[in-house]
Amino acid sequence: MKRLVLASASPQRRALMKILGLPFVVKPSAAQEITTLKGSVAGLVKHNALLKARAVAALEKSALVIGCDTVVYSGDRRLILKPANLATARKNLKELMAKPHWVYSGLAVVDTTSGKAITDYDKTKVFMTPLSDQAIDRYHRSMTPLDKAGGFDIEGKGGIFIPRIEGCYFNVVGLPLAKLAAMLKKFGIEVL
């Protein structure tokens, strides 16, 4: 089996990769993501995932490099990315709690030997229960919102105010495992 390389520094993605039970190494990508929505959200996250995967693939000899990009889309052509500070994190979370929103993750797998690359994406609709400003502040003191798209974590205390999702849970965490397993199968890697 070719060496698997995860082109991400995300601890959430690293933990999800371990669920697959395949050996892998982590090499974070330094590629500059595009954060302005000009076309579709799906196109944006696939593009960014491929940028990240290709940047790391250029440094590898015989590997499959996995790139991923996750954004939160509130509708109205607005992306909610990682917040720059706690004030922005609170403002974004209040907006997300006002109505359902979508989490998009783009995936790219690049074979450094053949140059073959495939991309795909997943999206999940997320419903949140509104919280008071004080509850949001308590929540943000219990986790780090600045390193998460949308500034929330469904896998932690965020699960308390997310009563329902439509779609892949792992996509909301940051790496849609079923989609990734199907993509790896196209390169001859069976997860199960």
Protein backbone atom coordinates (compact mmCIF):
# COMPACT_ATOMS: atom_id res chain seq x y z
CA MET A 1 0.00 0.00 0.00
CA LYS A 2 1.20 3.50 -0.79
CA ARG A 3 2.04 5.79 2.07
CA LEU A 4 -0.93 7.97 3.09
CA VAL A 5 -0.21 11.60 3.88
CA LEU A 6 -2.77 13.89 5.50
CA ALA A 7 -2.10 17.46 4.35
CA SER A 8 -3.66 19.06 7.42
CA ALA A 9 -2.63 20.27 10.86
CA SER A 10 -6.16 19.77 12.24
CA PRO A 11 -6.23 17.57 15.35
CA GLN A 12 -9.85 16.70 14.54
CA ARG A 13 -8.89 15.39 11.08
CA ARG A 14 -5.97 13.44 12.56
CA ALA A 15 -8.34 11.77 15.06
CA LEU A 16 -10.84 10.93 12.30
CA MET A 17 -8.11 9.44 10.08
CA LYS A 18 -7.26 7.04 12.92
CA ILE A 19 -10.81 5.65 12.72
CA LEU A 20 -10.01 4.35 9.23
CA GLY A 21 -7.35 2.09 10.75
CA LEU A 22 -4.82 2.85 8.01
CA PRO A 23 -1.28 4.01 8.73
CA PHE A 24 -0.72 7.66 7.76
CA VAL A 25 1.57 10.58 8.41
CA VAL A 26 0.67 14.24 8.85
CA LYS A 27 2.31 16.94 6.74
CA PRO A 28 0.40 20.24 7.01
CA SER A 29 0.00 22.17 3.79
CA ALA A 30 1.18 25.77 3.48
CA ALA A 31 -1.07 26.43 0.47
CA GLN A 32 -3.01 29.70 0.53
CA GLU A 33 -6.74 28.95 0.57
CA ILE A 34 -9.23 30.99 -1.36
CA THR A 35 -11.78 32.47 1.05
CA THR A 36 -13.91 34.52 -1.33
CA LEU A 37 -16.97 32.84 -2.75
CA LYS A 38 -17.19 33.51 -6.50
CA GLY A 39 -18.80 30.28 -7.71
CA SER A 40 -20.35 27.43 -5.79
CA VAL A 41 -19.40 26.51 -2.23
CA ALA A 42 -18.72 22.93 -3.40
CA GLY A 43 -16.34 24.24 -6.06
CA LEU A 44 -14.51 26.41 -3.54
CA VAL A 45 -13.87 23.64 -1.00
CA LYS A 46 -12.82 21.14 -3.70
CA HIS A 47 -10.44 23.73 -5.14
CA ASN A 48 -8.90 24.48 -1.73
CA ALA A 49 -8.59 20.79 -0.87
CA LEU A 50 -6.75 20.17 -4.15
CA LEU A 51 -4.46 23.16 -3.56
CA LYS A 52 -3.49 21.75 -0.16
CA ALA A 53 -3.00 18.21 -1.44
CA ARG A 54 -0.91 19.31 -4.45
CA ALA A 55 1.33 21.52 -2.27
CA VAL A 56 2.24 18.54 -0.09
CA ALA A 57 2.32 16.08 -3.02
CA ALA A 58 5.08 18.18 -4.62
CA LEU A 59 7.29 17.21 -1.65
CA GLU A 60 6.47 13.49 -1.65
CA LYS A 61 7.85 10.64 -3.79
CA SER A 62 5.43 7.71 -3.62
CA ALA A 63 2.31 8.56 -1.66
CA LEU A 64 -1.37 9.32 -1.71
CA VAL A 65 -1.88 12.81 -0.32
CA ILE A 66 -5.21 13.73 1.21
CA GLY A 67 -6.28 17.38 1.28
CA CYS A 68 -9.42 18.71 2.92
CA ASP A 69 -11.09 22.08 3.33
CA THR A 70 -14.13 22.78 5.50
CA VAL A 71 -16.29 25.90 5.55
CA VAL A 72 -19.63 26.84 7.04
CA TYR A 73 -22.16 28.43 4.70
CA SER A 74 -24.95 30.42 6.27
CA GLY A 75 -26.76 31.11 3.01
CA ASP A 76 -27.02 34.59 1.50
CA ARG A 77 -23.64 33.96 -0.23
CA ARG A 78 -21.84 34.21 3.15
CA LEU A 79 -19.05 31.89 4.27
CA ILE A 80 -18.29 31.63 7.96
CA LEU A 81 -14.65 30.62 8.34
CA LYS A 82 -12.43 30.30 11.40
CA PRO A 83 -13.07 33.38 13.55
CA ALA A 84 -10.20 35.80 14.12
CA ASN A 85 -11.21 36.59 17.71
CA LEU A 86 -13.81 35.76 20.37
CA ALA A 87 -16.05 38.70 19.46
CA THR A 88 -16.30 37.41 15.88
CA ALA A 89 -16.78 33.85 17.16
CA ARG A 90 -19.77 34.98 19.25
CA LYS A 91 -21.28 37.04 16.41
CA ASN A 92 -20.91 34.13 13.97
CA LEU A 93 -22.39 31.61 16.38
CA LYS A 94 -25.42 33.83 16.99
CA GLU A 95 -25.94 34.05 13.23
CA LEU A 96 -25.64 30.28 12.86
CA MET A 97 -28.11 29.71 15.69
CA ALA A 98 -30.72 31.92 14.00
CA LYS A 99 -31.39 29.46 11.16
CA PRO A 100 -30.07 26.18 9.73
CA HIS A 101 -26.76 26.34 7.89
CA TRP A 102 -24.51 23.99 5.91
CA VAL A 103 -21.05 22.60 6.54
CA TYR A 104 -19.15 21.82 3.33
CA SER A 105 -15.95 19.80 3.17
CA GLY A 106 -13.95 19.39 0.00
CA LEU A 107 -11.68 16.38 -0.37
CA ALA A 108 -8.79 15.75 -2.73
CA VAL A 109 -6.61 12.67 -3.10
CA VAL A 110 -3.45 13.01 -5.18
CA ASP A 111 -1.27 10.07 -6.27
CA THR A 112 2.28 11.43 -6.41
CA THR A 113 3.45 8.59 -8.66
CA SER A 114 0.87 8.82 -11.44
CA GLY A 115 -0.22 12.43 -10.89
CA LYS A 116 -3.84 11.27 -10.80
CA ALA A 117 -6.04 13.46 -8.61
CA ILE A 118 -9.69 13.15 -7.67
CA THR A 119 -11.86 15.59 -5.77
CA ASP A 120 -15.25 15.41 -4.17
CA TYR A 121 -17.23 17.15 -1.45
CA ASP A 122 -19.84 16.54 1.19
CA LYS A 123 -22.37 18.87 2.81
CA THR A 124 -24.36 18.59 6.00
CA LYS A 125 -27.25 20.75 7.18
CA VAL A 126 -26.90 21.78 10.84
CA PHE A 127 -29.67 22.93 13.18
CA MET A 128 -28.76 24.75 16.40
CA THR A 129 -30.68 25.77 19.51
CA PRO A 130 -30.14 29.49 20.29
CA LEU A 131 -28.09 30.30 23.39
CA SER A 132 -27.85 33.50 25.43
CA ASP A 133 -24.70 35.66 25.22
CA GLN A 134 -23.68 34.36 28.65
CA ALA A 135 -24.10 30.73 27.57
CA ILE A 136 -22.08 31.38 24.40
CA ASP A 137 -19.30 32.94 26.51
CA ARG A 138 -19.30 29.91 28.86
CA TYR A 139 -19.17 27.61 25.83
CA HIS A 140 -16.24 29.49 24.30
CA ARG A 141 -14.36 29.29 27.61
CA SER A 142 -14.72 25.49 27.48
CA MET A 143 -13.21 25.08 23.98
CA THR A 144 -11.13 26.90 21.39
CA PRO A 145 -13.43 28.38 18.72
CA LEU A 146 -10.63 30.11 16.78
CA ASP A 147 -9.37 26.95 15.06
CA LYS A 148 -12.75 25.68 13.82
CA ALA A 149 -14.80 26.68 10.80
CA GLY A 150 -17.86 28.41 12.23
CA GLY A 151 -16.26 28.51 15.68
CA PHE A 152 -18.09 25.47 17.09
CA ASP A 153 -17.41 21.79 17.75
CA ILE A 154 -20.16 19.22 17.28
CA GLU A 155 -17.89 16.53 18.78
CA GLY A 156 -17.55 18.42 22.08
CA LYS A 157 -19.88 20.65 24.07
CA GLY A 158 -21.31 22.01 20.82
CA GLY A 159 -23.24 18.77 20.56
CA ILE A 160 -25.39 20.03 23.45
CA PHE A 161 -26.98 22.78 21.32
CA ILE A 162 -27.00 20.91 17.98
CA PRO A 163 -30.15 18.79 18.25
CA ARG A 164 -30.17 17.65 14.62
CA ILE A 165 -28.14 17.40 11.45
CA GLU A 166 -29.01 16.17 7.97
CA GLY A 167 -26.02 14.45 6.43
CA CYS A 168 -22.65 13.16 7.55
CA TYR A 169 -21.67 13.80 11.18
CA PHE A 170 -17.96 13.37 10.41
CA ASN A 171 -18.25 16.06 7.75
CA VAL A 172 -19.22 18.56 10.46
CA VAL A 173 -16.19 17.48 12.51
CA GLY A 174 -14.01 18.14 9.45
CA LEU A 175 -13.43 14.95 7.43
CA PRO A 176 -16.29 13.03 5.77
CA LEU A 177 -15.06 9.47 6.32
CA ALA A 178 -17.50 7.61 4.05
CA LYS A 179 -16.66 9.93 1.16
CA LEU A 180 -12.92 9.58 1.82
CA ALA A 181 -13.15 5.77 2.01
CA ALA A 182 -14.92 5.70 -1.38
CA MET A 183 -12.22 7.93 -2.86
CA LEU A 184 -9.38 5.80 -1.47
CA LYS A 185 -11.04 2.71 -2.97
CA LYS A 186 -10.57 4.28 -6.42
CA PHE A 187 -6.83 4.13 -5.69
CA GLY A 188 -7.01 0.48 -4.62
CA ILE A 189 -7.10 1.06 -0.85
CA GLU A 190 -9.83 -0.83 0.94
CA VAL A 191 -10.77 0.50 4.39
CA LEU A 192 -12.97 -2.51 5.24
